[in-house]
Amino acid sequence: MMKRYASITFIVLCLSLIFAAQLFSQDHDAWEANQTSYQPPEVVLKAIDLEKGMVIGEIGAGRGRYSVMLAEEVGKNGLIYANDIDKEDLDYLDFRCERDDIYIFVKQ
């Protein structure tokens, strides 16, 4: 009887580790594409009536899914302030801005 519980415990532990590995190794851009399919940003962007040159702050910016889109909408004369408590997400947003040549003021 004890071997059966040990086997079940081992299987659950292995499945948990596999799930955790997939969760933490997920490609940020793939995650964003998946989120975008559920939360269409064009609806949000239309609702806030953006214009070129605007200054916008995004609290809880995370990896910058909306911050990047906002930056594209307000253009080079606009400014986006992105704030979040998660340093790892903001580090990724910094990387993303550098990679894609986007200027966003990122602050934790």
C-alpha atoms as a PDB file:
ATOM      1  CA  MET A   1       0.000   0.000   0.000  1.00  0.00           C
ATOM      2  CA  MET A   2       2.826   2.438   0.868  1.00  0.00           C
ATOM      3  CA  LYS A   3       4.476   1.856  -2.528  1.00  0.00           C
ATOM      4  CA  ARG A   4       1.288   2.929  -4.260  1.00  0.00           C
ATOM      5  CA  TYR A   5       1.193   6.268  -2.404  1.00  0.00           C
ATOM      6  CA  ALA A   6       4.888   6.799  -3.071  1.00  0.00           C
ATOM      7  CA  SER A   7       4.293   6.172  -6.785  1.00  0.00           C
ATOM      8  CA  ILE A   8       1.359   8.582  -6.900  1.00  0.00           C
ATOM      9  CA  THR A   9       3.363  11.201  -4.993  1.00  0.00           C
ATOM     10  CA  PHE A  10       6.267  10.773  -7.406  1.00  0.00           C
ATOM     11  CA  ILE A  11       4.004  11.141 -10.442  1.00  0.00           C
ATOM     12  CA  VAL A  12       2.344  14.271  -9.031  1.00  0.00           C
ATOM     13  CA  LEU A  13       5.762  15.757  -8.225  1.00  0.00           C
ATOM     14  CA  CYS A  14       7.013  15.068 -11.759  1.00  0.00           C
ATOM     15  CA  LEU A  15       3.915  16.576 -13.349  1.00  0.00           C
ATOM     16  CA  SER A  16       4.229  19.635 -11.099  1.00  0.00           C
ATOM     17  CA  LEU A  17       7.850  20.131 -12.125  1.00  0.00           C
ATOM     18  CA  ILE A  18       6.963  19.812 -15.811  1.00  0.00           C
ATOM     19  CA  PHE A  19       4.164  22.362 -15.419  1.00  0.00           C
ATOM     20  CA  ALA A  20       6.425  24.759 -13.496  1.00  0.00           C
ATOM     21  CA  ALA A  21       9.161  24.439 -16.114  1.00  0.00           C
ATOM     22  CA  GLN A  22       6.706  25.281 -18.890  1.00  0.00           C
ATOM     23  CA  LEU A  23       5.293  28.198 -16.928  1.00  0.00           C
ATOM     24  CA  PHE A  24       8.649  29.788 -16.146  1.00  0.00           C
ATOM     25  CA  SER A  25      10.287  29.122 -19.495  1.00  0.00           C
ATOM     26  CA  GLN A  26       7.426  30.552 -21.515  1.00  0.00           C
ATOM     27  CA  ASP A  27       8.456  32.863 -24.316  1.00  0.00           C
ATOM     28  CA  HIS A  28       7.373  36.394 -23.396  1.00  0.00           C
ATOM     29  CA  ASP A  29       6.362  37.295 -26.935  1.00  0.00           C
ATOM     30  CA  ALA A  30       4.301  34.107 -27.307  1.00  0.00           C
ATOM     31  CA  TRP A  31       2.564  34.880 -24.013  1.00  0.00           C
ATOM     32  CA  GLU A  32       1.739  38.355 -25.282  1.00  0.00           C
ATOM     33  CA  ALA A  33       0.306  37.041 -28.534  1.00  0.00           C
ATOM     34  CA  ASN A  34      -1.886  34.655 -26.558  1.00  0.00           C
ATOM     35  CA  GLN A  35      -3.109  37.431 -24.237  1.00  0.00           C
ATOM     36  CA  THR A  36      -3.821  39.694 -27.192  1.00  0.00           C
ATOM     37  CA  SER A  37      -6.134  37.082 -28.665  1.00  0.00           C
ATOM     38  CA  TYR A  38      -8.235  37.232 -25.472  1.00  0.00           C
ATOM     39  CA  GLN A  39      -7.963  40.973 -24.791  1.00  0.00           C
ATOM     40  CA  PRO A  40      -7.953  42.857 -28.111  1.00  0.00           C
ATOM     41  CA  PRO A  41      -5.914  46.021 -27.532  1.00  0.00           C
ATOM     42  CA  GLU A  42      -7.531  47.891 -30.417  1.00  0.00           C
ATOM     43  CA  VAL A  43     -10.725  48.063 -28.338  1.00  0.00           C
ATOM     44  CA  VAL A  44      -8.851  49.581 -25.373  1.00  0.00           C
ATOM     45  CA  LEU A  45      -6.824  51.976 -27.515  1.00  0.00           C
ATOM     46  CA  LYS A  46      -9.951  53.196 -29.297  1.00  0.00           C
ATOM     47  CA  ALA A  47     -11.728  53.768 -25.979  1.00  0.00           C
ATOM     48  CA  ILE A  48      -9.033  56.107 -24.622  1.00  0.00           C
ATOM     49  CA  ASP A  49      -8.903  58.228 -27.785  1.00  0.00           C
ATOM     50  CA  LEU A  50      -5.130  58.550 -28.186  1.00  0.00           C
ATOM     51  CA  GLU A  51      -3.474  61.363 -30.076  1.00  0.00           C
ATOM     52  CA  LYS A  52       0.082  61.986 -31.245  1.00  0.00           C
ATOM     53  CA  GLY A  53       2.211  63.777 -28.668  1.00  0.00           C
ATOM     54  CA  MET A  54       0.222  62.667 -25.604  1.00  0.00           C
ATOM     55  CA  VAL A  55       1.920  61.837 -22.291  1.00  0.00           C
ATOM     56  CA  ILE A  56       0.530  58.674 -20.720  1.00  0.00           C
ATOM     57  CA  GLY A  57       1.305  56.701 -17.568  1.00  0.00           C
ATOM     58  CA  GLU A  58       0.630  52.993 -17.293  1.00  0.00           C
ATOM     59  CA  ILE A  59       0.521  51.638 -13.765  1.00  0.00           C
ATOM     60  CA  GLY A  60       0.992  47.891 -13.644  1.00  0.00           C
ATOM     61  CA  ALA A  61       2.723  47.839 -17.012  1.00  0.00           C
ATOM     62  CA  GLY A  62       4.207  44.382 -16.545  1.00  0.00           C
ATOM     63  CA  ARG A  63       6.145  43.321 -19.645  1.00  0.00           C
ATOM     64  CA  GLY A  64       4.805  46.303 -21.547  1.00  0.00           C
ATOM     65  CA  ARG A  65       2.178  44.822 -23.795  1.00  0.00           C
ATOM     66  CA  TYR A  66       0.104  48.005 -23.740  1.00  0.00           C
ATOM     67  CA  SER A  67       3.036  50.353 -23.116  1.00  0.00           C
ATOM     68  CA  VAL A  68       4.573  49.426 -26.463  1.00  0.00           C
ATOM     69  CA  MET A  69       1.283  49.904 -28.288  1.00  0.00           C
ATOM     70  CA  LEU A  70       0.714  53.211 -26.520  1.00  0.00           C
ATOM     71  CA  ALA A  71       4.205  54.373 -27.519  1.00  0.00           C
ATOM     72  CA  GLU A  72       3.456  53.582 -31.152  1.00  0.00           C
ATOM     73  CA  GLU A  73       0.201  55.551 -30.981  1.00  0.00           C
ATOM     74  CA  VAL A  74       1.596  58.698 -29.333  1.00  0.00           C
ATOM     75  CA  GLY A  75       4.647  58.721 -31.598  1.00  0.00           C
ATOM     76  CA  LYS A  76       8.118  60.199 -31.094  1.00  0.00           C
ATOM     77  CA  ASN A  77       6.738  63.435 -29.630  1.00  0.00           C
ATOM     78  CA  GLY A  78       4.693  61.579 -27.010  1.00  0.00           C
ATOM     79  CA  LEU A  79       5.891  59.923 -23.834  1.00  0.00           C
ATOM     80  CA  ILE A  80       4.933  56.770 -21.974  1.00  0.00           C
ATOM     81  CA  TYR A  81       5.686  56.231 -18.285  1.00  0.00           C
ATOM     82  CA  ALA A  82       5.579  52.508 -17.429  1.00  0.00           C
ATOM     83  CA  ASN A  83       5.468  51.489 -13.770  1.00  0.00           C
ATOM     84  CA  ASP A  84       5.263  48.089 -12.104  1.00  0.00           C
ATOM     85  CA  ILE A  85       6.369  46.370  -8.895  1.00  0.00           C
ATOM     86  CA  ASP A  86       7.834  43.354 -10.724  1.00  0.00           C
ATOM     87  CA  LYS A  87      11.483  44.090 -11.485  1.00  0.00           C
ATOM     88  CA  GLU A  88      11.812  41.070 -13.770  1.00  0.00           C
ATOM     89  CA  ASP A  89       8.945  42.261 -15.967  1.00  0.00           C
ATOM     90  CA  LEU A  90      10.372  45.776 -16.124  1.00  0.00           C
ATOM     91  CA  ASP A  91      13.813  44.390 -17.005  1.00  0.00           C
ATOM     92  CA  TYR A  92      12.161  42.588 -19.899  1.00  0.00           C
ATOM     93  CA  LEU A  93      10.376  45.795 -20.912  1.00  0.00           C
ATOM     94  CA  ASP A  94      13.736  47.626 -20.897  1.00  0.00           C
ATOM     95  CA  PHE A  95      15.203  44.864 -23.073  1.00  0.00           C
ATOM     96  CA  ARG A  96      12.222  45.018 -25.379  1.00  0.00           C
ATOM     97  CA  CYS A  97      12.450  48.789 -25.781  1.00  0.00           C
ATOM     98  CA  GLU A  98      16.130  48.539 -26.632  1.00  0.00           C
ATOM     99  CA  ARG A  99      15.527  45.637 -29.029  1.00  0.00           C
ATOM    100  CA  ASP A 100      12.651  47.363 -30.832  1.00  0.00           C
ATOM    101  CA  ASP A 101      14.048  50.932 -30.619  1.00  0.00           C
ATOM    102  CA  ILE A 102      11.140  52.251 -28.544  1.00  0.00           C
ATOM    103  CA  TYR A 103      11.482  54.910 -25.861  1.00  0.00           C
ATOM    104  CA  ILE A 104       9.440  54.291 -22.725  1.00  0.00           C
ATOM    105  CA  PHE A 105      10.364  55.653 -19.294  1.00  0.00           C
ATOM    106  CA  VAL A 106      10.400  52.519 -17.118  1.00  0.00           C
ATOM    107  CA  LYS A 107      10.285  52.819 -13.321  1.00  0.00           C
ATOM    108  CA  GLN A 108       9.805  50.371 -10.477  1.00  0.00           C
END
